[in-house]
N, C-alpha and C. Protein backbone atom coordinates (compact mmCIF):
# COMPACT_ATOMS: atom_id res chain seq x y z
N MET A 1 3.87 25.78 -13.16
CA MET A 1 4.10 24.47 -13.75
C MET A 1 5.44 23.91 -13.26
N PHE A 2 5.42 22.66 -12.90
CA PHE A 2 6.62 21.98 -12.40
C PHE A 2 7.48 21.58 -13.58
N ASN A 3 8.74 21.99 -13.57
CA ASN A 3 9.65 21.69 -14.66
C ASN A 3 10.97 21.18 -14.08
N PRO A 4 11.00 19.90 -13.68
CA PRO A 4 12.21 19.38 -13.04
C PRO A 4 13.34 19.20 -14.05
N ASN A 5 14.55 19.25 -13.53
CA ASN A 5 15.72 18.91 -14.35
C ASN A 5 16.61 18.00 -13.53
N THR A 6 17.74 17.65 -14.06
CA THR A 6 18.60 16.66 -13.38
C THR A 6 19.14 17.16 -12.04
N THR A 7 19.17 18.49 -11.83
CA THR A 7 19.69 19.01 -10.56
C THR A 7 18.59 19.24 -9.52
N THR A 8 17.33 18.99 -9.91
CA THR A 8 16.22 19.14 -8.97
C THR A 8 16.39 18.15 -7.82
N PRO A 9 16.30 18.63 -6.58
CA PRO A 9 16.40 17.70 -5.45
C PRO A 9 15.26 16.66 -5.49
N LEU A 10 15.59 15.43 -5.15
CA LEU A 10 14.59 14.37 -5.16
C LEU A 10 13.42 14.73 -4.25
N LYS A 11 13.69 15.43 -3.13
CA LYS A 11 12.59 15.80 -2.22
C LYS A 11 11.56 16.66 -2.92
N ASP A 12 11.97 17.54 -3.84
CA ASP A 12 11.04 18.38 -4.58
C ASP A 12 10.24 17.55 -5.59
N VAL A 13 10.92 16.61 -6.23
CA VAL A 13 10.25 15.73 -7.18
C VAL A 13 9.22 14.87 -6.45
N LEU A 14 9.59 14.34 -5.29
CA LEU A 14 8.67 13.51 -4.51
C LEU A 14 7.47 14.34 -4.04
N ALA A 15 7.71 15.57 -3.61
CA ALA A 15 6.61 16.45 -3.17
C ALA A 15 5.65 16.72 -4.33
N HIS A 16 6.19 16.96 -5.51
CA HIS A 16 5.35 17.20 -6.69
C HIS A 16 4.56 15.94 -7.04
N TYR A 17 5.20 14.79 -6.95
CA TYR A 17 4.54 13.52 -7.24
C TYR A 17 3.35 13.31 -6.30
N VAL A 18 3.55 13.58 -5.02
CA VAL A 18 2.46 13.43 -4.04
C VAL A 18 1.32 14.39 -4.38
N ALA A 19 1.66 15.63 -4.70
CA ALA A 19 0.65 16.66 -4.95
C ALA A 19 -0.12 16.45 -6.26
N THR A 20 0.50 15.79 -7.23
CA THR A 20 -0.17 15.67 -8.53
C THR A 20 -0.61 14.26 -8.88
N ILE A 21 0.10 13.27 -8.42
CA ILE A 21 -0.21 11.89 -8.81
C ILE A 21 -0.80 11.09 -7.65
N SER A 22 -0.12 11.10 -6.51
CA SER A 22 -0.61 10.34 -5.36
C SER A 22 -1.99 10.82 -4.92
N ILE A 23 -2.23 12.10 -5.00
CA ILE A 23 -3.48 12.69 -4.53
C ILE A 23 -4.69 12.10 -5.25
N GLN A 24 -4.48 11.58 -6.44
CA GLN A 24 -5.58 11.02 -7.24
C GLN A 24 -5.86 9.56 -6.90
N LYS A 25 -5.08 8.97 -6.04
CA LYS A 25 -5.21 7.55 -5.74
C LYS A 25 -5.98 7.32 -4.44
N ARG A 26 -6.66 6.17 -4.36
CA ARG A 26 -7.34 5.81 -3.11
C ARG A 26 -6.32 5.56 -2.00
N SER A 27 -5.11 5.17 -2.38
CA SER A 27 -4.07 4.87 -1.40
C SER A 27 -3.22 6.09 -1.07
N TYR A 28 -3.79 7.28 -1.23
CA TYR A 28 -3.04 8.53 -1.06
C TYR A 28 -2.30 8.60 0.27
N LYS A 29 -2.99 8.35 1.38
CA LYS A 29 -2.35 8.49 2.70
C LYS A 29 -1.18 7.53 2.87
N THR A 30 -1.38 6.31 2.44
CA THR A 30 -0.32 5.30 2.53
C THR A 30 0.87 5.70 1.66
N GLU A 31 0.56 6.16 0.46
CA GLU A 31 1.63 6.56 -0.45
C GLU A 31 2.39 7.77 0.09
N ALA A 32 1.67 8.70 0.72
CA ALA A 32 2.33 9.87 1.31
C ALA A 32 3.30 9.45 2.41
N CYS A 33 2.95 8.43 3.18
CA CYS A 33 3.86 7.90 4.22
C CYS A 33 5.10 7.27 3.59
N ARG A 34 4.90 6.55 2.50
CA ARG A 34 6.05 5.94 1.81
C ARG A 34 6.97 7.02 1.24
N ILE A 35 6.35 8.07 0.70
CA ILE A 35 7.14 9.18 0.15
C ILE A 35 7.96 9.84 1.26
N LYS A 36 7.38 9.94 2.46
CA LYS A 36 8.10 10.55 3.58
C LYS A 36 9.37 9.75 3.90
N ALA A 37 9.25 8.43 3.92
CA ALA A 37 10.43 7.58 4.18
C ALA A 37 11.49 7.78 3.09
N LEU A 38 11.05 7.87 1.84
CA LEU A 38 11.99 8.10 0.75
C LEU A 38 12.64 9.47 0.87
N THR A 39 11.85 10.48 1.20
CA THR A 39 12.35 11.85 1.34
C THR A 39 13.36 11.96 2.48
N ASP A 40 13.04 11.34 3.60
CA ASP A 40 13.92 11.41 4.77
C ASP A 40 15.32 10.86 4.48
N ILE A 41 15.39 9.82 3.68
CA ILE A 41 16.68 9.17 3.45
C ILE A 41 17.36 9.63 2.16
N LEU A 42 16.59 9.83 1.10
CA LEU A 42 17.18 10.14 -0.21
C LEU A 42 16.91 11.57 -0.69
N GLY A 43 16.08 12.30 0.02
CA GLY A 43 15.57 13.58 -0.46
C GLY A 43 16.59 14.64 -0.81
N GLU A 44 17.76 14.64 -0.19
CA GLU A 44 18.76 15.69 -0.44
C GLU A 44 19.53 15.49 -1.74
N HIS A 45 19.49 14.28 -2.29
CA HIS A 45 20.19 14.02 -3.56
C HIS A 45 19.43 14.67 -4.71
N SER A 46 20.18 15.12 -5.71
CA SER A 46 19.50 15.60 -6.92
C SER A 46 19.02 14.37 -7.69
N LEU A 47 18.06 14.58 -8.55
CA LEU A 47 17.43 13.48 -9.27
C LEU A 47 18.46 12.61 -10.01
N SER A 48 19.37 13.24 -10.71
CA SER A 48 20.34 12.46 -11.50
C SER A 48 21.45 11.86 -10.64
N ASP A 49 21.59 12.34 -9.41
CA ASP A 49 22.64 11.81 -8.53
C ASP A 49 22.23 10.52 -7.81
N VAL A 50 20.96 10.18 -7.84
CA VAL A 50 20.51 8.96 -7.16
C VAL A 50 20.99 7.77 -7.97
N THR A 51 21.86 6.97 -7.36
CA THR A 51 22.45 5.82 -8.03
C THR A 51 21.86 4.53 -7.46
N PRO A 52 22.09 3.41 -8.14
CA PRO A 52 21.68 2.13 -7.56
C PRO A 52 22.28 1.92 -6.16
N ALA A 53 23.48 2.42 -5.93
CA ALA A 53 24.12 2.27 -4.61
C ALA A 53 23.32 3.03 -3.55
N HIS A 54 22.84 4.22 -3.89
CA HIS A 54 22.00 4.98 -2.95
C HIS A 54 20.71 4.23 -2.65
N VAL A 55 20.10 3.68 -3.70
CA VAL A 55 18.84 2.96 -3.53
C VAL A 55 19.06 1.69 -2.69
N ALA A 56 20.17 1.00 -2.93
CA ALA A 56 20.49 -0.20 -2.15
C ALA A 56 20.73 0.17 -0.68
N ALA A 57 21.39 1.31 -0.45
CA ALA A 57 21.61 1.77 0.93
C ALA A 57 20.28 2.12 1.59
N PHE A 58 19.37 2.74 0.83
CA PHE A 58 18.02 3.02 1.34
C PHE A 58 17.34 1.72 1.75
N ARG A 59 17.39 0.72 0.86
CA ARG A 59 16.77 -0.58 1.13
C ARG A 59 17.31 -1.17 2.43
N ASP A 60 18.63 -1.19 2.55
CA ASP A 60 19.25 -1.80 3.73
C ASP A 60 18.94 -1.03 5.00
N LYS A 61 18.94 0.29 4.90
CA LYS A 61 18.63 1.12 6.08
C LYS A 61 17.19 0.88 6.53
N ARG A 62 16.26 0.84 5.56
CA ARG A 62 14.84 0.63 5.91
C ARG A 62 14.63 -0.76 6.52
N LEU A 63 15.33 -1.75 6.00
CA LEU A 63 15.17 -3.11 6.53
C LEU A 63 15.68 -3.23 7.96
N SER A 64 16.52 -2.28 8.39
CA SER A 64 17.02 -2.31 9.78
C SER A 64 16.37 -1.24 10.65
N THR A 65 15.41 -0.50 10.10
CA THR A 65 14.71 0.55 10.85
C THR A 65 13.66 -0.08 11.77
N PRO A 66 13.61 0.33 13.04
CA PRO A 66 12.56 -0.20 13.92
C PRO A 66 11.16 0.13 13.39
N HIS A 67 10.27 -0.83 13.53
CA HIS A 67 8.89 -0.64 13.09
C HIS A 67 8.24 0.42 13.98
N PRO A 68 7.50 1.37 13.41
CA PRO A 68 6.94 2.47 14.21
C PRO A 68 5.96 2.02 15.30
N ARG A 69 5.22 0.93 15.04
CA ARG A 69 4.24 0.48 16.06
C ARG A 69 4.78 -0.62 16.95
N THR A 70 5.74 -1.38 16.45
CA THR A 70 6.34 -2.46 17.25
C THR A 70 7.85 -2.31 17.18
N PRO A 71 8.43 -1.47 18.04
CA PRO A 71 9.86 -1.17 17.97
C PRO A 71 10.79 -2.38 18.11
N GLU A 72 10.29 -3.47 18.69
CA GLU A 72 11.16 -4.65 18.82
C GLU A 72 11.32 -5.37 17.47
N LYS A 73 10.50 -4.99 16.47
CA LYS A 73 10.61 -5.54 15.11
C LYS A 73 11.15 -4.45 14.19
N THR A 74 11.58 -4.87 13.01
CA THR A 74 12.03 -3.89 12.01
C THR A 74 10.99 -3.79 10.90
N VAL A 75 11.13 -2.75 10.08
CA VAL A 75 10.24 -2.58 8.94
C VAL A 75 10.37 -3.81 8.05
N GLY A 76 9.25 -4.34 7.62
CA GLY A 76 9.25 -5.60 6.88
C GLY A 76 9.65 -5.47 5.43
N PRO A 77 10.08 -6.58 4.84
CA PRO A 77 10.49 -6.59 3.44
C PRO A 77 9.37 -6.16 2.49
N SER A 78 8.13 -6.49 2.82
CA SER A 78 7.01 -6.10 1.95
C SER A 78 6.88 -4.58 1.91
N THR A 79 7.03 -3.93 3.06
CA THR A 79 6.95 -2.47 3.12
C THR A 79 8.07 -1.85 2.29
N VAL A 80 9.27 -2.35 2.46
CA VAL A 80 10.42 -1.80 1.73
C VAL A 80 10.25 -2.03 0.23
N LYS A 81 9.76 -3.18 -0.13
CA LYS A 81 9.54 -3.48 -1.55
C LYS A 81 8.51 -2.50 -2.15
N LEU A 82 7.45 -2.20 -1.41
CA LEU A 82 6.45 -1.23 -1.88
C LEU A 82 7.05 0.17 -2.00
N GLU A 83 7.91 0.54 -1.07
CA GLU A 83 8.59 1.84 -1.15
C GLU A 83 9.48 1.91 -2.38
N LEU A 84 10.18 0.82 -2.67
CA LEU A 84 11.05 0.78 -3.85
C LEU A 84 10.23 0.83 -5.14
N MET A 85 9.10 0.15 -5.16
CA MET A 85 8.23 0.19 -6.34
C MET A 85 7.72 1.61 -6.57
N LEU A 86 7.40 2.31 -5.49
CA LEU A 86 6.94 3.69 -5.60
C LEU A 86 8.06 4.58 -6.14
N LEU A 87 9.26 4.44 -5.61
CA LEU A 87 10.39 5.22 -6.09
C LEU A 87 10.64 4.94 -7.57
N SER A 88 10.53 3.69 -7.96
CA SER A 88 10.69 3.32 -9.36
C SER A 88 9.64 4.02 -10.22
N HIS A 89 8.41 4.08 -9.73
CA HIS A 89 7.35 4.75 -10.49
C HIS A 89 7.61 6.25 -10.59
N VAL A 90 8.16 6.83 -9.55
CA VAL A 90 8.52 8.26 -9.60
C VAL A 90 9.53 8.49 -10.72
N PHE A 91 10.56 7.66 -10.79
CA PHE A 91 11.56 7.80 -11.85
C PHE A 91 10.94 7.55 -13.23
N SER A 92 10.10 6.53 -13.34
CA SER A 92 9.44 6.24 -14.62
C SER A 92 8.57 7.41 -15.06
N THR A 93 7.87 8.04 -14.11
CA THR A 93 7.03 9.19 -14.42
C THR A 93 7.89 10.36 -14.88
N ALA A 94 9.02 10.58 -14.21
CA ALA A 94 9.93 11.66 -14.61
C ALA A 94 10.44 11.43 -16.03
N ILE A 95 10.72 10.18 -16.34
CA ILE A 95 11.25 9.85 -17.67
C ILE A 95 10.17 9.99 -18.75
N THR A 96 9.01 9.41 -18.51
CA THR A 96 7.99 9.35 -19.56
C THR A 96 7.09 10.57 -19.64
N GLU A 97 6.77 11.17 -18.49
CA GLU A 97 5.79 12.26 -18.49
C GLU A 97 6.40 13.64 -18.28
N TRP A 98 7.55 13.71 -17.66
CA TRP A 98 8.14 15.01 -17.37
C TRP A 98 9.32 15.31 -18.29
N GLY A 99 9.46 14.53 -19.36
CA GLY A 99 10.45 14.82 -20.38
C GLY A 99 11.90 14.61 -20.01
N MET A 100 12.15 13.73 -19.06
CA MET A 100 13.54 13.50 -18.63
C MET A 100 14.02 12.15 -19.16
N ASP A 101 13.91 11.99 -20.49
CA ASP A 101 14.20 10.70 -21.10
C ASP A 101 15.68 10.29 -21.03
N HIS A 102 16.55 11.18 -20.66
CA HIS A 102 17.97 10.85 -20.49
C HIS A 102 18.25 10.27 -19.09
N LEU A 103 17.25 10.35 -18.22
CA LEU A 103 17.40 9.85 -16.85
C LEU A 103 17.34 8.32 -16.84
N VAL A 104 18.04 7.70 -15.92
CA VAL A 104 18.03 6.25 -15.76
C VAL A 104 17.35 5.92 -14.43
N ASN A 105 16.50 4.91 -14.44
CA ASN A 105 15.81 4.48 -13.22
C ASN A 105 16.74 3.58 -12.40
N PRO A 106 17.31 4.10 -11.29
CA PRO A 106 18.28 3.31 -10.53
C PRO A 106 17.65 2.14 -9.76
N VAL A 107 16.35 2.17 -9.56
CA VAL A 107 15.69 1.10 -8.80
C VAL A 107 15.71 -0.20 -9.58
N LEU A 108 15.73 -0.10 -10.90
CA LEU A 108 15.69 -1.30 -11.73
C LEU A 108 16.98 -2.13 -11.64
N LYS A 109 18.01 -1.52 -11.07
CA LYS A 109 19.33 -2.18 -11.06
C LYS A 109 19.71 -2.77 -9.70
N ILE A 110 18.76 -2.82 -8.77
CA ILE A 110 19.09 -3.39 -7.46
C ILE A 110 18.20 -4.61 -7.16
N ARG A 111 18.68 -5.41 -6.21
CA ARG A 111 17.89 -6.55 -5.73
C ARG A 111 16.77 -6.03 -4.85
N LYS A 112 15.59 -6.59 -5.00
CA LYS A 112 14.46 -6.23 -4.14
C LYS A 112 14.43 -7.23 -2.97
N PRO A 113 13.95 -6.80 -1.81
CA PRO A 113 13.88 -7.73 -0.67
C PRO A 113 12.93 -8.89 -0.97
N LYS A 114 13.30 -10.04 -0.51
CA LYS A 114 12.43 -11.21 -0.64
C LYS A 114 11.29 -11.06 0.36
N THR A 115 10.07 -11.26 -0.10
CA THR A 115 8.93 -11.15 0.80
C THR A 115 8.56 -12.55 1.31
N PRO A 116 8.19 -12.63 2.57
CA PRO A 116 7.81 -13.94 3.13
C PRO A 116 6.51 -14.42 2.49
N PRO A 117 6.27 -15.72 2.51
CA PRO A 117 5.01 -16.22 1.94
C PRO A 117 3.83 -15.67 2.74
N GLY A 118 2.72 -15.50 2.06
CA GLY A 118 1.51 -14.99 2.73
C GLY A 118 1.04 -15.95 3.79
N ARG A 119 0.32 -15.42 4.74
CA ARG A 119 -0.18 -16.28 5.82
C ARG A 119 -1.64 -16.61 5.53
N SER A 120 -2.03 -17.74 6.02
CA SER A 120 -3.42 -18.17 5.86
C SER A 120 -3.92 -18.57 7.24
N ARG A 121 -4.77 -17.76 7.79
CA ARG A 121 -5.28 -18.03 9.13
C ARG A 121 -6.78 -18.21 9.04
N ARG A 122 -7.24 -19.35 9.41
CA ARG A 122 -8.67 -19.64 9.41
C ARG A 122 -9.12 -19.85 10.86
N LEU A 123 -10.36 -19.49 11.10
CA LEU A 123 -10.92 -19.74 12.43
C LEU A 123 -11.18 -21.24 12.58
N SER A 124 -10.94 -21.74 13.76
CA SER A 124 -11.31 -23.13 14.04
C SER A 124 -12.84 -23.14 14.23
N PRO A 125 -13.47 -24.29 14.08
CA PRO A 125 -14.92 -24.35 14.30
C PRO A 125 -15.32 -23.85 15.70
N GLU A 126 -14.48 -24.10 16.70
CA GLU A 126 -14.77 -23.64 18.06
C GLU A 126 -14.72 -22.11 18.14
N GLU A 127 -13.70 -21.51 17.50
CA GLU A 127 -13.58 -20.05 17.50
C GLU A 127 -14.77 -19.42 16.78
N GLU A 128 -15.19 -20.02 15.67
CA GLU A 128 -16.33 -19.50 14.92
C GLU A 128 -17.60 -19.54 15.78
N LYS A 129 -17.81 -20.64 16.48
CA LYS A 129 -19.00 -20.75 17.35
C LYS A 129 -18.98 -19.69 18.44
N LYS A 130 -17.80 -19.47 19.06
CA LYS A 130 -17.69 -18.46 20.12
C LYS A 130 -18.03 -17.06 19.59
N ILE A 131 -17.50 -16.74 18.43
CA ILE A 131 -17.75 -15.41 17.84
C ILE A 131 -19.23 -15.25 17.53
N LEU A 132 -19.84 -16.26 16.93
CA LEU A 132 -21.25 -16.16 16.57
C LEU A 132 -22.14 -16.09 17.81
N ARG A 133 -21.80 -16.84 18.86
CA ARG A 133 -22.57 -16.77 20.11
C ARG A 133 -22.49 -15.38 20.73
N ALA A 134 -21.29 -14.82 20.74
CA ALA A 134 -21.12 -13.47 21.30
C ALA A 134 -21.85 -12.44 20.45
N ALA A 135 -21.82 -12.60 19.14
CA ALA A 135 -22.47 -11.64 18.24
C ALA A 135 -23.98 -11.65 18.40
N ILE A 136 -24.55 -12.83 18.60
CA ILE A 136 -26.01 -12.91 18.72
C ILE A 136 -26.49 -12.29 20.03
N ARG A 137 -25.62 -12.28 21.05
CA ARG A 137 -25.98 -11.67 22.35
C ARG A 137 -25.66 -10.17 22.39
N HIS A 138 -24.97 -9.67 21.38
CA HIS A 138 -24.54 -8.27 21.37
C HIS A 138 -25.75 -7.34 21.22
N PRO A 139 -25.73 -6.19 21.87
CA PRO A 139 -26.86 -5.25 21.77
C PRO A 139 -27.12 -4.75 20.33
N ASN A 140 -26.08 -4.69 19.52
CA ASN A 140 -26.28 -4.30 18.12
C ASN A 140 -26.68 -5.56 17.35
N HIS A 141 -27.93 -5.66 16.99
CA HIS A 141 -28.44 -6.88 16.35
C HIS A 141 -27.91 -7.09 14.94
N GLU A 142 -27.38 -6.04 14.34
CA GLU A 142 -26.82 -6.16 12.99
C GLU A 142 -25.43 -6.81 13.01
N LEU A 143 -24.79 -6.84 14.16
CA LEU A 143 -23.44 -7.39 14.25
C LEU A 143 -23.41 -8.85 13.82
N TYR A 144 -24.40 -9.63 14.21
CA TYR A 144 -24.45 -11.05 13.85
C TYR A 144 -24.47 -11.20 12.32
N ALA A 145 -25.30 -10.44 11.65
CA ALA A 145 -25.39 -10.51 10.19
C ALA A 145 -24.07 -10.10 9.54
N ILE A 146 -23.45 -9.09 10.08
CA ILE A 146 -22.17 -8.62 9.54
C ILE A 146 -21.10 -9.71 9.67
N ILE A 147 -21.07 -10.37 10.81
CA ILE A 147 -20.06 -11.41 11.03
C ILE A 147 -20.33 -12.62 10.13
N VAL A 148 -21.59 -12.99 9.98
CA VAL A 148 -21.91 -14.10 9.08
C VAL A 148 -21.49 -13.75 7.66
N LEU A 149 -21.79 -12.53 7.23
CA LEU A 149 -21.38 -12.09 5.89
C LEU A 149 -19.86 -12.16 5.72
N ALA A 150 -19.15 -11.70 6.73
CA ALA A 150 -17.68 -11.73 6.67
C ALA A 150 -17.17 -13.17 6.59
N LEU A 151 -17.72 -14.04 7.39
CA LEU A 151 -17.28 -15.44 7.40
C LEU A 151 -17.60 -16.14 6.08
N GLU A 152 -18.76 -15.85 5.51
CA GLU A 152 -19.19 -16.53 4.29
C GLU A 152 -18.49 -16.00 3.04
N THR A 153 -18.11 -14.73 3.05
CA THR A 153 -17.56 -14.12 1.83
C THR A 153 -16.07 -13.80 1.91
N ALA A 154 -15.50 -13.78 3.10
CA ALA A 154 -14.10 -13.37 3.34
C ALA A 154 -13.90 -11.90 2.98
N MET A 155 -14.98 -11.13 3.02
CA MET A 155 -14.86 -9.69 2.77
C MET A 155 -14.15 -9.04 3.94
N ARG A 156 -13.41 -7.99 3.63
CA ARG A 156 -12.72 -7.23 4.67
C ARG A 156 -13.69 -6.26 5.33
N GLN A 157 -13.31 -5.79 6.51
CA GLN A 157 -14.15 -4.87 7.26
C GLN A 157 -14.53 -3.64 6.43
N GLY A 158 -13.55 -3.04 5.79
CA GLY A 158 -13.80 -1.84 4.99
C GLY A 158 -14.76 -2.11 3.84
N GLU A 159 -14.65 -3.29 3.24
CA GLU A 159 -15.55 -3.66 2.14
C GLU A 159 -16.98 -3.81 2.63
N ILE A 160 -17.15 -4.41 3.78
CA ILE A 160 -18.50 -4.58 4.34
C ILE A 160 -19.09 -3.23 4.71
N LEU A 161 -18.28 -2.39 5.36
CA LEU A 161 -18.78 -1.09 5.80
C LEU A 161 -19.09 -0.16 4.62
N ALA A 162 -18.45 -0.40 3.48
CA ALA A 162 -18.67 0.45 2.30
C ALA A 162 -19.78 -0.07 1.39
N LEU A 163 -20.40 -1.19 1.76
CA LEU A 163 -21.45 -1.75 0.91
C LEU A 163 -22.61 -0.77 0.73
N LEU A 164 -23.13 -0.74 -0.48
CA LEU A 164 -24.31 0.07 -0.78
C LEU A 164 -25.41 -0.86 -1.28
N TRP A 165 -26.66 -0.53 -0.98
CA TRP A 165 -27.77 -1.38 -1.39
C TRP A 165 -27.79 -1.58 -2.90
N GLU A 166 -27.37 -0.56 -3.65
CA GLU A 166 -27.38 -0.67 -5.11
C GLU A 166 -26.39 -1.71 -5.63
N ASN A 167 -25.46 -2.15 -4.78
CA ASN A 167 -24.48 -3.16 -5.18
C ASN A 167 -24.88 -4.57 -4.76
N VAL A 168 -26.08 -4.70 -4.17
CA VAL A 168 -26.58 -6.00 -3.72
C VAL A 168 -27.65 -6.48 -4.69
N SER A 169 -27.48 -7.70 -5.20
CA SER A 169 -28.50 -8.30 -6.05
C SER A 169 -29.12 -9.47 -5.29
N TRP A 170 -30.35 -9.24 -4.80
CA TRP A 170 -31.02 -10.30 -4.05
C TRP A 170 -31.39 -11.46 -4.96
N LYS A 171 -31.72 -11.16 -6.24
CA LYS A 171 -32.07 -12.22 -7.19
C LYS A 171 -30.89 -13.16 -7.43
N LYS A 172 -29.74 -12.56 -7.74
CA LYS A 172 -28.55 -13.36 -8.04
C LYS A 172 -27.82 -13.82 -6.79
N ARG A 173 -28.19 -13.24 -5.66
CA ARG A 173 -27.52 -13.52 -4.38
C ARG A 173 -26.03 -13.19 -4.48
N THR A 174 -25.77 -11.99 -5.03
CA THR A 174 -24.39 -11.53 -5.18
C THR A 174 -24.26 -10.10 -4.67
N VAL A 175 -22.99 -9.74 -4.42
CA VAL A 175 -22.65 -8.37 -4.04
C VAL A 175 -21.52 -7.94 -4.96
N PHE A 176 -21.65 -6.75 -5.53
CA PHE A 176 -20.60 -6.19 -6.37
C PHE A 176 -19.76 -5.27 -5.52
N LEU A 177 -18.44 -5.49 -5.53
CA LEU A 177 -17.51 -4.65 -4.78
C LEU A 177 -16.72 -3.80 -5.77
N PRO A 178 -17.09 -2.51 -5.91
CA PRO A 178 -16.39 -1.69 -6.90
C PRO A 178 -14.94 -1.40 -6.56
N HIS A 179 -14.60 -1.38 -5.29
CA HIS A 179 -13.22 -1.11 -4.88
C HIS A 179 -12.79 -2.18 -3.89
N THR A 180 -11.85 -3.02 -4.31
CA THR A 180 -11.37 -4.08 -3.43
C THR A 180 -9.89 -4.35 -3.70
N GLU A 181 -9.21 -4.86 -2.68
CA GLU A 181 -7.80 -5.21 -2.87
C GLU A 181 -7.66 -6.50 -3.64
N SER A 182 -8.63 -7.37 -3.51
CA SER A 182 -8.54 -8.68 -4.14
C SER A 182 -9.31 -8.71 -5.45
N PRO A 183 -8.64 -8.98 -6.58
CA PRO A 183 -9.35 -9.01 -7.85
C PRO A 183 -10.35 -10.15 -7.94
N LEU A 184 -10.22 -11.15 -7.08
CA LEU A 184 -11.15 -12.26 -7.10
C LEU A 184 -12.53 -11.89 -6.58
N LEU A 185 -12.60 -10.84 -5.76
CA LEU A 185 -13.87 -10.48 -5.17
C LEU A 185 -14.65 -9.47 -6.01
N SER A 186 -14.03 -8.81 -6.93
CA SER A 186 -14.76 -7.79 -7.68
C SER A 186 -15.47 -8.36 -8.88
């Protein structure tokens, strides 16, 4: 049984969090990557030694870290904000579930990075025609139907590929998406 205390290194707490909490989530792999970034920078500190100044330094360092896939760019504010939210949840879990009610969540005391406004990219009518023409000529005859479904519903690739016949209602002309990022689609 894991019994952390204030001198427990954050890296051990993060490892336990991944093994017991993250593992139960659909976003396990993504969360494990975020935990790695937190561990690499803050992992050597003991749980009670992590201060808002440490968390702010983590934020600033991550915002200047080259992006792993596009080194000419840096890690984006949205990524850093998600990492900070995860760290905050780790501290909240330690406080509420692991009996460390004397601990203070240092993430709550720092500024979070401002995230840029979301982008909205729509296909032009010409682009849509080109895609549909190419799809109808494609050897896989189901591709055309998949693209029409995507265009008409704005479903993501993963949502379309995960569709099950039991979630399709031909009478109502609806599809139920049990797992989706967008609450509007479920």
